Amino acid sequence: MTYILSVLDLSPVSGDNTQAQAVRESLEVAKAAERLGYHRFWVAEHHNIGGLGSPAPEILIAAASQITSTIRLGSGGVMLVNYSPLKVAEVFMELEALAPGRIDLGVGRALGTDQRTGGALRSSGSEAFPQYFALLSAWLLDASGVEPITDAHPAREIHANPAGPSHPDLFLLCTSVESAIFAAQAGVGMVFAEFIARADGGPAVAAYKGNFRPSVFRAEPWGGIATIALAAETDAEAQRLAAPMRAGNLATLDGERRRFTSIPEAQAFLAERAEDPRLAGVMERSIVGDPATVKARLDGKAHSTGADEVFVMAVGPDLQSRIRSLELIKQA
């Protein structure tokens, strides 16, 4: 099975670390991803979530661009309705100027947070996304000289700076078939977030490829999926390392954003809830095991979904286990 392998990092806060430390650890993961030969390193946007450190992927991308030289860097993603499309276009054209040919702009339709926090961000809400996406696309193409804005366009006489000879590659992050079709009709790349949607990405990838319309952004469809994967030298060790993540996910289903700072604490929590019928679903949401097991499941997922690219989320209870997991997956 041939597919591209990339990394998604959410800047998780591990152990007794602070959110500030989590942000710095993401840069270490970026360096490791490049050293190991992954195709892309993407970071995400989340707000008002204690267990995640980065609300501003563009800043992490800028920092990563200065400590890497070959890996593509991008957002997985920018929650477009939280911002001015012009500002997003300008930020990512500036990133493109810093790392020409290496920048990806993945955008999402959601808020990346709860409704109240979205209000504090002055979010326009998901209903504004189609208009925002059209404006963003126009400004990127205009700034790179690919398709200048005409006098009849709503954005006429307004240009995104800095102008340059290239623009970021544009992707839509999806959690539904409807969003995948939107990406297809816009002629941009698509990545289905299985770990958010709690669903198989196959139907979305199929809908995307079946409805794809070539555009100035992309002549051929490119559909990816993003999933959680954790590898360790043995299956038993991988299951042990996965305990804090699984305990946190199960607590979230109870409406509790709880961070488990130690493996024994997480194991005790899971043992108490061993009969919880939702636990099987939590365990199924991630690929956990020794390298051969993880490889087999990633291969199977790429084959069954038809994905051209698989993003593995860099997970583990600490930075060392996250990087070791990425090493073992890539070696396999």
C-alpha atoms as a PDB file:
ATOM      1  CA  MET A   1       0.000   0.000   0.000  1.00  0.00           C
ATOM      2  CA  THR A   2       1.535   3.312  -1.118  1.00  0.00           C
ATOM      3  CA  TYR A   3       0.536   6.546   0.580  1.00  0.00           C
ATOM      4  CA  ILE A   4       2.157   9.685   1.953  1.00  0.00           C
ATOM      5  CA  LEU A   5       2.770   9.807   5.707  1.00  0.00           C
ATOM      6  CA  SER A   6       2.584  13.103   7.604  1.00  0.00           C
ATOM      7  CA  VAL A   7       2.318  14.377  11.180  1.00  0.00           C
ATOM      8  CA  LEU A   8      -0.395  16.360  12.957  1.00  0.00           C
ATOM      9  CA  ASP A   9       0.466  17.838  16.354  1.00  0.00           C
ATOM     10  CA  LEU A  10      -2.049  19.464  18.711  1.00  0.00           C
ATOM     11  CA  SER A  11       0.515  20.734  21.251  1.00  0.00           C
ATOM     12  CA  PRO A  12      -0.805  18.442  24.014  1.00  0.00           C
ATOM     13  CA  VAL A  13       0.031  19.320  27.603  1.00  0.00           C
ATOM     14  CA  SER A  14       1.652  16.243  29.098  1.00  0.00           C
ATOM     15  CA  GLY A  15       2.287  15.320  32.719  1.00  0.00           C
ATOM     16  CA  ASP A  16       2.818  18.342  34.957  1.00  0.00           C
ATOM     17  CA  ASN A  17       3.925  20.529  32.042  1.00  0.00           C
ATOM     18  CA  THR A  18       2.519  23.963  31.300  1.00  0.00           C
ATOM     19  CA  GLN A  19       0.852  25.001  28.065  1.00  0.00           C
ATOM     20  CA  ALA A  20       3.935  27.093  27.294  1.00  0.00           C
ATOM     21  CA  GLN A  21       6.081  23.962  27.494  1.00  0.00           C
ATOM     22  CA  ALA A  22       3.632  22.156  25.207  1.00  0.00           C
ATOM     23  CA  VAL A  23       4.160  24.807  22.531  1.00  0.00           C
ATOM     24  CA  ARG A  24       7.932  24.429  22.746  1.00  0.00           C
ATOM     25  CA  GLU A  25       7.616  20.647  22.580  1.00  0.00           C
ATOM     26  CA  SER A  26       5.737  20.960  19.299  1.00  0.00           C
ATOM     27  CA  LEU A  27       8.848  22.484  17.765  1.00  0.00           C
ATOM     28  CA  GLU A  28      10.850  19.451  18.886  1.00  0.00           C
ATOM     29  CA  VAL A  29       8.272  17.230  17.203  1.00  0.00           C
ATOM     30  CA  ALA A  30       8.618  19.314  14.019  1.00  0.00           C
ATOM     31  CA  LYS A  31      12.374  18.769  13.969  1.00  0.00           C
ATOM     32  CA  ALA A  32      11.900  15.045  14.570  1.00  0.00           C
ATOM     33  CA  ALA A  33       9.279  14.776  11.804  1.00  0.00           C
ATOM     34  CA  GLU A  34      11.685  16.334   9.307  1.00  0.00           C
ATOM     35  CA  ARG A  35      14.597  14.156  10.439  1.00  0.00           C
ATOM     36  CA  LEU A  36      12.461  11.036  10.071  1.00  0.00           C
ATOM     37  CA  GLY A  37      11.287  11.912   6.559  1.00  0.00           C
ATOM     38  CA  TYR A  38       7.611  12.701   7.107  1.00  0.00           C
ATOM     39  CA  HIS A  39       6.070  14.737   4.276  1.00  0.00           C
ATOM     40  CA  ARG A  40       4.247  17.411   6.291  1.00  0.00           C
ATOM     41  CA  PHE A  41       4.076  18.733   9.831  1.00  0.00           C
ATOM     42  CA  TRP A  42       0.778  20.416  10.669  1.00  0.00           C
ATOM     43  CA  VAL A  43      -0.359  22.143  13.856  1.00  0.00           C
ATOM     44  CA  ALA A  44      -3.868  22.953  14.998  1.00  0.00           C
ATOM     45  CA  GLU A  45      -5.925  25.763  16.498  1.00  0.00           C
ATOM     46  CA  HIS A  46      -7.837  25.324  19.759  1.00  0.00           C
ATOM     47  CA  HIS A  47      -9.108  27.867  22.266  1.00  0.00           C
ATOM     48  CA  ASN A  48      -9.945  27.610  25.964  1.00  0.00           C
ATOM     49  CA  ILE A  49      -8.919  23.937  26.209  1.00  0.00           C
ATOM     50  CA  GLY A  50      -6.524  23.346  29.107  1.00  0.00           C
ATOM     51  CA  GLY A  51      -4.988  20.185  27.692  1.00  0.00           C
ATOM     52  CA  LEU A  52      -3.892  21.786  24.412  1.00  0.00           C
ATOM     53  CA  GLY A  53      -1.326  24.540  24.112  1.00  0.00           C
ATOM     54  CA  SER A  54      -1.599  26.266  20.752  1.00  0.00           C
ATOM     55  CA  PRO A  55      -4.382  28.684  19.740  1.00  0.00           C
ATOM     56  CA  ALA A  56      -2.239  30.244  16.972  1.00  0.00           C
ATOM     57  CA  PRO A  57      -0.886  27.741  14.415  1.00  0.00           C
ATOM     58  CA  GLU A  58       0.565  30.527  12.287  1.00  0.00           C
ATOM     59  CA  ILE A  59       3.052  31.403  15.036  1.00  0.00           C
ATOM     60  CA  LEU A  60       4.180  27.801  15.438  1.00  0.00           C
ATOM     61  CA  ILE A  61       4.534  27.480  11.659  1.00  0.00           C
ATOM     62  CA  ALA A  62       6.705  30.606  11.560  1.00  0.00           C
ATOM     63  CA  ALA A  63       8.912  29.260  14.341  1.00  0.00           C
ATOM     64  CA  ALA A  64       9.130  25.823  12.715  1.00  0.00           C
ATOM     65  CA  SER A  65      10.100  27.386   9.399  1.00  0.00           C
ATOM     66  CA  GLN A  66      13.268  28.684  11.021  1.00  0.00           C
ATOM     67  CA  ILE A  67      14.398  25.333  12.438  1.00  0.00           C
ATOM     68  CA  THR A  68      13.510  23.098   9.457  1.00  0.00           C
ATOM     69  CA  SER A  69      14.458  23.223   5.789  1.00  0.00           C
ATOM     70  CA  THR A  70      12.649  20.530   3.810  1.00  0.00           C
ATOM     71  CA  ILE A  71       9.404  19.402   5.464  1.00  0.00           C
ATOM     72  CA  ARG A  72       6.148  21.089   4.458  1.00  0.00           C
ATOM     73  CA  LEU A  73       4.564  23.077   7.294  1.00  0.00           C
ATOM     74  CA  GLY A  74       0.918  23.889   7.710  1.00  0.00           C
ATOM     75  CA  SER A  75      -2.219  24.396   9.707  1.00  0.00           C
ATOM     76  CA  GLY A  76      -4.578  21.630  10.538  1.00  0.00           C
ATOM     77  CA  GLY A  77      -6.184  24.020  10.721  1.00  0.00           C
ATOM     78  CA  VAL A  78      -7.041  27.686  10.906  1.00  0.00           C
ATOM     79  CA  MET A  79     -10.675  28.112  11.941  1.00  0.00           C
ATOM     80  CA  LEU A  80     -11.497  30.619   9.229  1.00  0.00           C
ATOM     81  CA  VAL A  81     -14.735  32.040  10.637  1.00  0.00           C
ATOM     82  CA  ASN A  82     -12.854  33.309  13.686  1.00  0.00           C
ATOM     83  CA  TYR A  83     -10.875  35.784  11.599  1.00  0.00           C
ATOM     84  CA  SER A  84     -10.801  38.244   8.732  1.00  0.00           C
ATOM     85  CA  PRO A  85     -10.111  36.325   5.488  1.00  0.00           C
ATOM     86  CA  LEU A  86      -7.811  39.161   4.408  1.00  0.00           C
ATOM     87  CA  LYS A  87      -5.750  38.801   7.575  1.00  0.00           C
ATOM     88  CA  VAL A  88      -5.471  35.023   7.119  1.00  0.00           C
ATOM     89  CA  ALA A  89      -4.378  35.518   3.507  1.00  0.00           C
ATOM     90  CA  GLU A  90      -1.733  38.032   4.553  1.00  0.00           C
ATOM     91  CA  VAL A  91      -0.423  35.875   7.411  1.00  0.00           C
ATOM     92  CA  PHE A  92       0.010  32.862   5.158  1.00  0.00           C
ATOM     93  CA  MET A  93       1.492  34.825   2.264  1.00  0.00           C
ATOM     94  CA  GLU A  94       4.050  36.081   4.784  1.00  0.00           C
ATOM     95  CA  LEU A  95       4.729  32.506   5.893  1.00  0.00           C
ATOM     96  CA  GLU A  96       5.122  31.563   2.225  1.00  0.00           C
ATOM     97  CA  ALA A  97       7.695  34.348   1.918  1.00  0.00           C
ATOM     98  CA  LEU A  98       9.619  32.870   4.864  1.00  0.00           C
ATOM     99  CA  ALA A  99       9.524  29.289   3.553  1.00  0.00           C
ATOM    100  CA  PRO A 100       8.712  29.355  -0.183  1.00  0.00           C
ATOM    101  CA  GLY A 101       7.082  26.191  -1.467  1.00  0.00           C
ATOM    102  CA  ARG A 102       6.707  24.659   2.002  1.00  0.00           C
ATOM    103  CA  ILE A 103       3.534  26.219   3.410  1.00  0.00           C
ATOM    104  CA  ASP A 104       0.079  24.598   3.595  1.00  0.00           C
ATOM    105  CA  LEU A 105      -3.045  26.467   4.636  1.00  0.00           C
ATOM    106  CA  GLY A 106      -5.610  24.051   5.996  1.00  0.00           C
ATOM    107  CA  VAL A 107      -8.826  25.778   7.056  1.00  0.00           C
ATOM    108  CA  GLY A 108     -11.812  24.504   9.006  1.00  0.00           C
ATOM    109  CA  ARG A 109     -15.476  25.495   9.215  1.00  0.00           C
ATOM    110  CA  ALA A 110     -15.806  25.035  12.985  1.00  0.00           C
ATOM    111  CA  LEU A 111     -14.810  27.379  15.828  1.00  0.00           C
ATOM    112  CA  GLY A 112     -12.163  25.200  17.435  1.00  0.00           C
ATOM    113  CA  THR A 113     -13.835  25.846  20.773  1.00  0.00           C
ATOM    114  CA  ASP A 114     -17.212  26.227  22.492  1.00  0.00           C
ATOM    115  CA  GLN A 115     -19.830  28.780  21.466  1.00  0.00           C
ATOM    116  CA  ARG A 116     -19.150  31.161  24.350  1.00  0.00           C
ATOM    117  CA  THR A 117     -15.432  31.279  23.583  1.00  0.00           C
ATOM    118  CA  GLY A 118     -16.300  31.708  19.926  1.00  0.00           C
ATOM    119  CA  GLY A 119     -18.221  34.796  20.940  1.00  0.00           C
ATOM    120  CA  ALA A 120     -15.166  36.136  22.726  1.00  0.00           C
ATOM    121  CA  LEU A 121     -13.206  35.587  19.512  1.00  0.00           C
ATOM    122  CA  ARG A 122     -15.873  37.526  17.630  1.00  0.00           C
ATOM    123  CA  SER A 123     -16.442  34.492  15.420  1.00  0.00           C
ATOM    124  CA  SER A 124     -18.835  35.015  12.527  1.00  0.00           C
ATOM    125  CA  GLY A 125     -20.199  31.467  12.819  1.00  0.00           C
ATOM    126  CA  SER A 126     -20.041  28.576  10.356  1.00  0.00           C
ATOM    127  CA  GLU A 127     -22.693  30.094   8.091  1.00  0.00           C
ATOM    128  CA  ALA A 128     -20.135  32.695   6.996  1.00  0.00           C
ATOM    129  CA  PHE A 129     -17.623  30.079   5.855  1.00  0.00           C
ATOM    130  CA  PRO A 130     -18.460  29.900   2.116  1.00  0.00           C
ATOM    131  CA  GLN A 131     -18.103  33.665   1.708  1.00  0.00           C
ATOM    132  CA  TYR A 132     -14.923  33.768   3.812  1.00  0.00           C
ATOM    133  CA  PHE A 133     -13.430  30.875   1.830  1.00  0.00           C
ATOM    134  CA  ALA A 134     -14.150  32.576  -1.496  1.00  0.00           C
ATOM    135  CA  LEU A 135     -12.501  35.795  -0.326  1.00  0.00           C
ATOM    136  CA  LEU A 136      -9.492  33.969   1.103  1.00  0.00           C
ATOM    137  CA  SER A 137      -8.992  32.046  -2.140  1.00  0.00           C
ATOM    138  CA  ALA A 138      -9.234  35.197  -4.239  1.00  0.00           C
ATOM    139  CA  TRP A 139      -6.693  37.085  -2.134  1.00  0.00           C
ATOM    140  CA  LEU A 140      -4.191  34.202  -2.197  1.00  0.00           C
ATOM    141  CA  LEU A 141      -4.393  33.878  -5.977  1.00  0.00           C
ATOM    142  CA  ASP A 142      -4.220  37.632  -6.461  1.00  0.00           C
ATOM    143  CA  ALA A 143      -1.194  38.026  -4.184  1.00  0.00           C
ATOM    144  CA  SER A 144       0.711  35.302  -6.034  1.00  0.00           C
ATOM    145  CA  GLY A 145      -0.165  36.688  -9.471  1.00  0.00           C
ATOM    146  CA  VAL A 146      -2.059  33.567 -10.504  1.00  0.00           C
ATOM    147  CA  GLU A 147      -5.491  35.160 -10.872  1.00  0.00           C
ATOM    148  CA  PRO A 148      -5.702  38.927 -10.281  1.00  0.00           C
ATOM    149  CA  ILE A 149      -8.860  40.278  -8.676  1.00  0.00           C
ATOM    150  CA  THR A 150     -11.096  41.896 -11.266  1.00  0.00           C
ATOM    151  CA  ASP A 151     -12.949  45.180 -11.012  1.00  0.00           C
ATOM    152  CA  ALA A 152     -16.211  43.257 -10.593  1.00  0.00           C
ATOM    153  CA  HIS A 153     -14.981  41.301  -7.554  1.00  0.00           C
ATOM    154  CA  PRO A 154     -16.179  42.291  -4.039  1.00  0.00           C
ATOM    155  CA  ALA A 155     -12.498  42.557  -2.997  1.00  0.00           C
ATOM    156  CA  ARG A 156     -11.512  44.862  -5.864  1.00  0.00           C
ATOM    157  CA  GLU A 157      -8.679  47.309  -5.119  1.00  0.00           C
ATOM    158  CA  ILE A 158      -7.821  45.387  -1.929  1.00  0.00           C
ATOM    159  CA  HIS A 159      -4.723  43.194  -2.063  1.00  0.00           C
ATOM    160  CA  ALA A 160      -3.152  40.797   0.409  1.00  0.00           C
ATOM    161  CA  ASN A 161       0.483  41.542   1.237  1.00  0.00           C
ATOM    162  CA  PRO A 162       3.182  40.440   0.849  1.00  0.00           C
ATOM    163  CA  ALA A 163       2.809  39.587  -2.833  1.00  0.00           C
ATOM    164  CA  GLY A 164       5.113  36.874  -4.104  1.00  0.00           C
ATOM    165  CA  PRO A 165       5.624  34.290  -6.836  1.00  0.00           C
ATOM    166  CA  SER A 166       3.830  31.470  -4.996  1.00  0.00           C
ATOM    167  CA  HIS A 167       0.980  30.882  -2.586  1.00  0.00           C
ATOM    168  CA  PRO A 168       0.317  28.284   0.130  1.00  0.00           C
ATOM    169  CA  ASP A 169      -1.308  25.022  -0.873  1.00  0.00           C
ATOM    170  CA  LEU A 170      -4.947  25.231   0.228  1.00  0.00           C
ATOM    171  CA  PHE A 171      -6.820  22.449   2.039  1.00  0.00           C
ATOM    172  CA  LEU A 172     -10.192  22.085   3.722  1.00  0.00           C
ATOM    173  CA  LEU A 173     -10.347  20.086   6.947  1.00  0.00           C
ATOM    174  CA  CYS A 174     -13.508  18.002   7.017  1.00  0.00           C
ATOM    175  CA  THR A 175     -15.605  16.066   9.484  1.00  0.00           C
ATOM    176  CA  SER A 176     -18.513  15.349   7.141  1.00  0.00           C
ATOM    177  CA  VAL A 177     -19.256  14.254   3.590  1.00  0.00           C
ATOM    178  CA  GLU A 178     -20.833  17.663   2.953  1.00  0.00           C
ATOM    179  CA  SER A 179     -17.573  19.462   3.765  1.00  0.00           C
ATOM    180  CA  ALA A 180     -15.657  17.011   1.580  1.00  0.00           C
ATOM    181  CA  ILE A 181     -17.912  17.838  -1.364  1.00  0.00           C
ATOM    182  CA  PHE A 182     -17.371  21.557  -0.722  1.00  0.00           C
ATOM    183  CA  ALA A 183     -13.599  20.974  -0.942  1.00  0.00           C
ATOM    184  CA  ALA A 184     -14.060  18.978  -4.146  1.00  0.00           C
ATOM    185  CA  GLN A 185     -16.125  21.661  -5.837  1.00  0.00           C
ATOM    186  CA  ALA A 186     -13.620  24.323  -4.758  1.00  0.00           C
ATOM    187  CA  GLY A 187     -10.797  22.277  -6.280  1.00  0.00           C
ATOM    188  CA  VAL A 188      -8.608  22.221  -3.167  1.00  0.00           C
ATOM    189  CA  GLY A 189      -7.094  19.461  -1.061  1.00  0.00           C
ATOM    190  CA  MET A 190      -9.124  17.690   1.619  1.00  0.00           C
ATOM    191  CA  VAL A 191      -8.197  16.030   4.919  1.00  0.00           C
ATOM    192  CA  PHE A 192     -10.854  14.189   6.924  1.00  0.00           C
ATOM    193  CA  ALA A 193     -10.323  14.364  10.703  1.00  0.00           C
ATOM    194  CA  GLU A 194     -11.337  10.883  11.820  1.00  0.00           C
ATOM    195  CA  PHE A 195     -10.329  11.562  15.411  1.00  0.00           C
ATOM    196  CA  ILE A 196     -12.802  14.469  15.649  1.00  0.00           C
ATOM    197  CA  ALA A 197     -15.631  13.013  13.588  1.00  0.00           C
ATOM    198  CA  ARG A 198     -15.340   9.624  15.326  1.00  0.00           C
ATOM    199  CA  ALA A 199     -16.090   8.124  11.927  1.00  0.00           C
ATOM    200  CA  ASP A 200     -14.341   6.355   9.094  1.00  0.00           C
ATOM    201  CA  GLY A 201     -13.023   8.725   6.443  1.00  0.00           C
ATOM    202  CA  GLY A 202     -13.827   6.439   3.491  1.00  0.00           C
ATOM    203  CA  PRO A 203     -17.213   7.955   2.527  1.00  0.00           C
ATOM    204  CA  ALA A 204     -15.816  11.495   2.702  1.00  0.00           C
ATOM    205  CA  VAL A 205     -12.746  10.660   0.590  1.00  0.00           C
ATOM    206  CA  ALA A 206     -14.953   8.908  -1.968  1.00  0.00           C
ATOM    207  CA  ALA A 207     -17.367  11.848  -2.125  1.00  0.00           C
ATOM    208  CA  TYR A 208     -14.464  14.251  -2.499  1.00  0.00           C
ATOM    209  CA  LYS A 209     -12.841  12.356  -5.338  1.00  0.00           C
ATOM    210  CA  GLY A 210     -16.148  11.709  -7.055  1.00  0.00           C
ATOM    211  CA  ASN A 211     -17.107  15.390  -7.077  1.00  0.00           C
ATOM    212  CA  PHE A 212     -13.683  16.960  -7.660  1.00  0.00           C
ATOM    213  CA  ARG A 213     -13.454  19.876 -10.082  1.00  0.00           C
ATOM    214  CA  PRO A 214      -9.962  20.930 -11.237  1.00  0.00           C
ATOM    215  CA  SER A 215      -8.996  24.460 -10.274  1.00  0.00           C
ATOM    216  CA  VAL A 216      -6.027  26.802 -10.300  1.00  0.00           C
ATOM    217  CA  PHE A 217      -5.181  25.357  -6.889  1.00  0.00           C
ATOM    218  CA  ARG A 218      -5.125  21.692  -7.887  1.00  0.00           C
ATOM    219  CA  ALA A 219      -5.501  19.773 -11.159  1.00  0.00           C
ATOM    220  CA  GLU A 220      -6.072  16.395  -9.474  1.00  0.00           C
ATOM    221  CA  PRO A 221      -7.847  15.464  -6.239  1.00  0.00           C
ATOM    222  CA  TRP A 222      -5.790  14.850  -3.108  1.00  0.00           C
ATOM    223  CA  GLY A 223      -7.670  13.367  -0.194  1.00  0.00           C
ATOM    224  CA  GLY A 224      -6.163  12.605   3.192  1.00  0.00           C
ATOM    225  CA  ILE A 225      -7.265  11.359   6.578  1.00  0.00           C
ATOM    226  CA  ALA A 226      -5.975  12.225  10.043  1.00  0.00           C
ATOM    227  CA  THR A 227      -5.980   9.590  12.744  1.00  0.00           C
ATOM    228  CA  ILE A 228      -4.471   8.927  16.162  1.00  0.00           C
ATOM    229  CA  ALA A 229      -1.555   6.477  16.174  1.00  0.00           C
ATOM    230  CA  LEU A 230       0.760   5.456  19.000  1.00  0.00           C
ATOM    231  CA  ALA A 231       3.524   2.881  18.572  1.00  0.00           C
ATOM    232  CA  ALA A 232       5.929   1.452  21.146  1.00  0.00           C
ATOM    233  CA  GLU A 233       8.424  -1.429  21.090  1.00  0.00           C
ATOM    234  CA  THR A 234       5.794  -3.859  22.396  1.00  0.00           C
ATOM    235  CA  ASP A 235       2.019  -3.919  22.311  1.00  0.00           C
ATOM    236  CA  ALA A 236       1.864  -3.974  26.118  1.00  0.00           C
ATOM    237  CA  GLU A 237       4.003  -0.849  26.365  1.00  0.00           C
ATOM    238  CA  ALA A 238       1.910   0.935  23.740  1.00  0.00           C
ATOM    239  CA  GLN A 239      -1.295   0.115  25.629  1.00  0.00           C
ATOM    240  CA  ARG A 240       0.285   1.444  28.837  1.00  0.00           C
ATOM    241  CA  LEU A 241       1.374   4.688  27.173  1.00  0.00           C
ATOM    242  CA  ALA A 242      -2.092   5.170  25.693  1.00  0.00           C
ATOM    243  CA  ALA A 243      -3.847   5.155  29.092  1.00  0.00           C
ATOM    244  CA  PRO A 244      -3.795   8.952  29.743  1.00  0.00           C
ATOM    245  CA  MET A 245      -5.159   9.686  26.269  1.00  0.00           C
ATOM    246  CA  ARG A 246      -7.939   7.112  26.575  1.00  0.00           C
ATOM    247  CA  ALA A 247      -8.877   8.214  30.077  1.00  0.00           C
ATOM    248  CA  GLY A 248      -9.072  11.824  28.937  1.00  0.00           C
ATOM    249  CA  ASN A 249     -11.254  10.888  25.975  1.00  0.00           C
ATOM    250  CA  LEU A 250     -13.606   8.890  28.166  1.00  0.00           C
ATOM    251  CA  ALA A 251     -13.881  11.736  30.669  1.00  0.00           C
ATOM    252  CA  THR A 252     -14.713  14.092  27.782  1.00  0.00           C
ATOM    253  CA  LEU A 253     -17.745  11.943  26.965  1.00  0.00           C
ATOM    254  CA  ASP A 254     -18.980  12.788  30.476  1.00  0.00           C
ATOM    255  CA  GLY A 255     -18.586  16.483  29.692  1.00  0.00           C
ATOM    256  CA  GLU A 256     -15.434  16.743  31.786  1.00  0.00           C
ATOM    257  CA  ARG A 257     -12.232  18.186  30.328  1.00  0.00           C
ATOM    258  CA  ARG A 258      -9.839  16.287  32.523  1.00  0.00           C
ATOM    259  CA  ARG A 259      -6.095  15.910  32.041  1.00  0.00           C
ATOM    260  CA  PHE A 260      -4.441  12.812  33.489  1.00  0.00           C
ATOM    261  CA  THR A 261      -0.909  13.702  34.556  1.00  0.00           C
ATOM    262  CA  SER A 262       0.343  10.178  35.198  1.00  0.00           C
ATOM    263  CA  ILE A 263      -0.112   6.740  33.676  1.00  0.00           C
ATOM    264  CA  PRO A 264      -1.110   5.060  37.005  1.00  0.00           C
ATOM    265  CA  GLU A 265      -3.817   7.684  37.563  1.00  0.00           C
ATOM    266  CA  ALA A 266      -5.186   7.068  34.077  1.00  0.00           C
ATOM    267  CA  GLN A 267      -5.028   3.290  34.465  1.00  0.00           C
ATOM    268  CA  ALA A 268      -6.970   3.489  37.736  1.00  0.00           C
ATOM    269  CA  PHE A 269      -9.638   5.651  36.097  1.00  0.00           C
ATOM    270  CA  LEU A 270     -10.003   3.199  33.195  1.00  0.00           C
ATOM    271  CA  ALA A 271     -10.142   0.220  35.571  1.00  0.00           C
ATOM    272  CA  GLU A 272     -13.000   1.838  37.479  1.00  0.00           C
ATOM    273  CA  ARG A 273     -14.888   2.191  34.219  1.00  0.00           C
ATOM    274  CA  ALA A 274     -13.984  -1.136  32.670  1.00  0.00           C
ATOM    275  CA  GLU A 275     -17.678  -1.965  32.194  1.00  0.00           C
ATOM    276  CA  ASP A 276     -18.516   1.362  30.568  1.00  0.00           C
ATOM    277  CA  PRO A 277     -19.935   0.459  27.121  1.00  0.00           C
ATOM    278  CA  ARG A 278     -18.339   3.566  25.627  1.00  0.00           C
ATOM    279  CA  LEU A 279     -14.807   2.424  26.458  1.00  0.00           C
ATOM    280  CA  ALA A 280     -14.621   0.130  23.430  1.00  0.00           C
ATOM    281  CA  GLY A 281     -15.431   3.060  21.160  1.00  0.00           C
ATOM    282  CA  VAL A 282     -12.756   5.186  22.813  1.00  0.00           C
ATOM    283  CA  MET A 283     -10.181   2.461  22.257  1.00  0.00           C
ATOM    284  CA  GLU A 284     -11.249   1.968  18.663  1.00  0.00           C
ATOM    285  CA  ARG A 285     -10.693   5.651  17.873  1.00  0.00           C
ATOM    286  CA  SER A 286      -6.915   5.250  18.016  1.00  0.00           C
ATOM    287  CA  ILE A 287      -4.352   2.895  16.500  1.00  0.00           C
ATOM    288  CA  VAL A 288      -2.177   1.590  19.324  1.00  0.00           C
ATOM    289  CA  GLY A 289       0.365  -1.225  19.326  1.00  0.00           C
ATOM    290  CA  ASP A 290       3.796  -2.410  18.328  1.00  0.00           C
ATOM    291  CA  PRO A 291       5.247  -1.143  15.008  1.00  0.00           C
ATOM    292  CA  ALA A 292       3.975  -4.072  12.934  1.00  0.00           C
ATOM    293  CA  THR A 293       0.462  -3.707  14.327  1.00  0.00           C
ATOM    294  CA  VAL A 294       0.344   0.044  13.747  1.00  0.00           C
ATOM    295  CA  LYS A 295       1.730  -0.312  10.222  1.00  0.00           C
ATOM    296  CA  ALA A 296      -0.824  -2.970   9.334  1.00  0.00           C
ATOM    297  CA  ARG A 297      -3.705  -0.854  10.586  1.00  0.00           C
ATOM    298  CA  LEU A 298      -2.450   2.304   8.853  1.00  0.00           C
ATOM    299  CA  ASP A 299      -2.009   0.366   5.607  1.00  0.00           C
ATOM    300  CA  GLY A 300      -5.502  -1.055   5.964  1.00  0.00           C
ATOM    301  CA  LYS A 301      -6.974   2.359   6.700  1.00  0.00           C
ATOM    302  CA  ALA A 302      -5.290   3.951   3.678  1.00  0.00           C
ATOM    303  CA  HIS A 303      -6.529   1.100   1.478  1.00  0.00           C
ATOM    304  CA  SER A 304     -10.092   1.054   2.797  1.00  0.00           C
ATOM    305  CA  THR A 305     -10.560   4.827   2.661  1.00  0.00           C
ATOM    306  CA  GLY A 306      -8.690   5.470  -0.581  1.00  0.00           C
ATOM    307  CA  ALA A 307      -6.631   8.184   1.116  1.00  0.00           C
ATOM    308  CA  ASP A 308      -3.593   9.574  -0.692  1.00  0.00           C
ATOM    309  CA  GLU A 309      -2.078  10.743   2.582  1.00  0.00           C
ATOM    310  CA  VAL A 310      -2.377   9.697   6.217  1.00  0.00           C
ATOM    311  CA  PHE A 311      -1.663  12.149   9.031  1.00  0.00           C
ATOM    312  CA  VAL A 312      -0.730  10.478  12.295  1.00  0.00           C
ATOM    313  CA  MET A 313      -1.352  12.523  15.392  1.00  0.00           C
ATOM    314  CA  ALA A 314       1.767  12.646  17.525  1.00  0.00           C
ATOM    315  CA  VAL A 315       0.445  11.271  20.836  1.00  0.00           C
ATOM    316  CA  GLY A 316       1.975   9.866  24.005  1.00  0.00           C
ATOM    317  CA  PRO A 317       2.185  10.787  27.692  1.00  0.00           C
ATOM    318  CA  ASP A 318       5.394  12.781  27.189  1.00  0.00           C
ATOM    319  CA  LEU A 319       7.608  14.239  24.468  1.00  0.00           C
ATOM    320  CA  GLN A 320       9.955  11.260  24.416  1.00  0.00           C
ATOM    321  CA  SER A 321       7.165   8.752  23.788  1.00  0.00           C
ATOM    322  CA  ARG A 322       5.640  10.946  21.071  1.00  0.00           C
ATOM    323  CA  ILE A 323       8.893  11.193  19.164  1.00  0.00           C
ATOM    324  CA  ARG A 324       9.699   7.503  19.686  1.00  0.00           C
ATOM    325  CA  SER A 325       6.270   6.610  18.342  1.00  0.00           C
ATOM    326  CA  LEU A 326       6.895   8.634  15.192  1.00  0.00           C
ATOM    327  CA  GLU A 327      10.294   6.947  14.790  1.00  0.00           C
ATOM    328  CA  LEU A 328       8.818   3.454  15.052  1.00  0.00           C
ATOM    329  CA  ILE A 329       5.929   4.222  12.690  1.00  0.00           C
ATOM    330  CA  LYS A 330       8.207   5.668  10.021  1.00  0.00           C
ATOM    331  CA  GLN A 331      10.707   2.804  10.339  1.00  0.00           C
ATOM    332  CA  ALA A 332       7.877   0.297   9.921  1.00  0.00           C
END
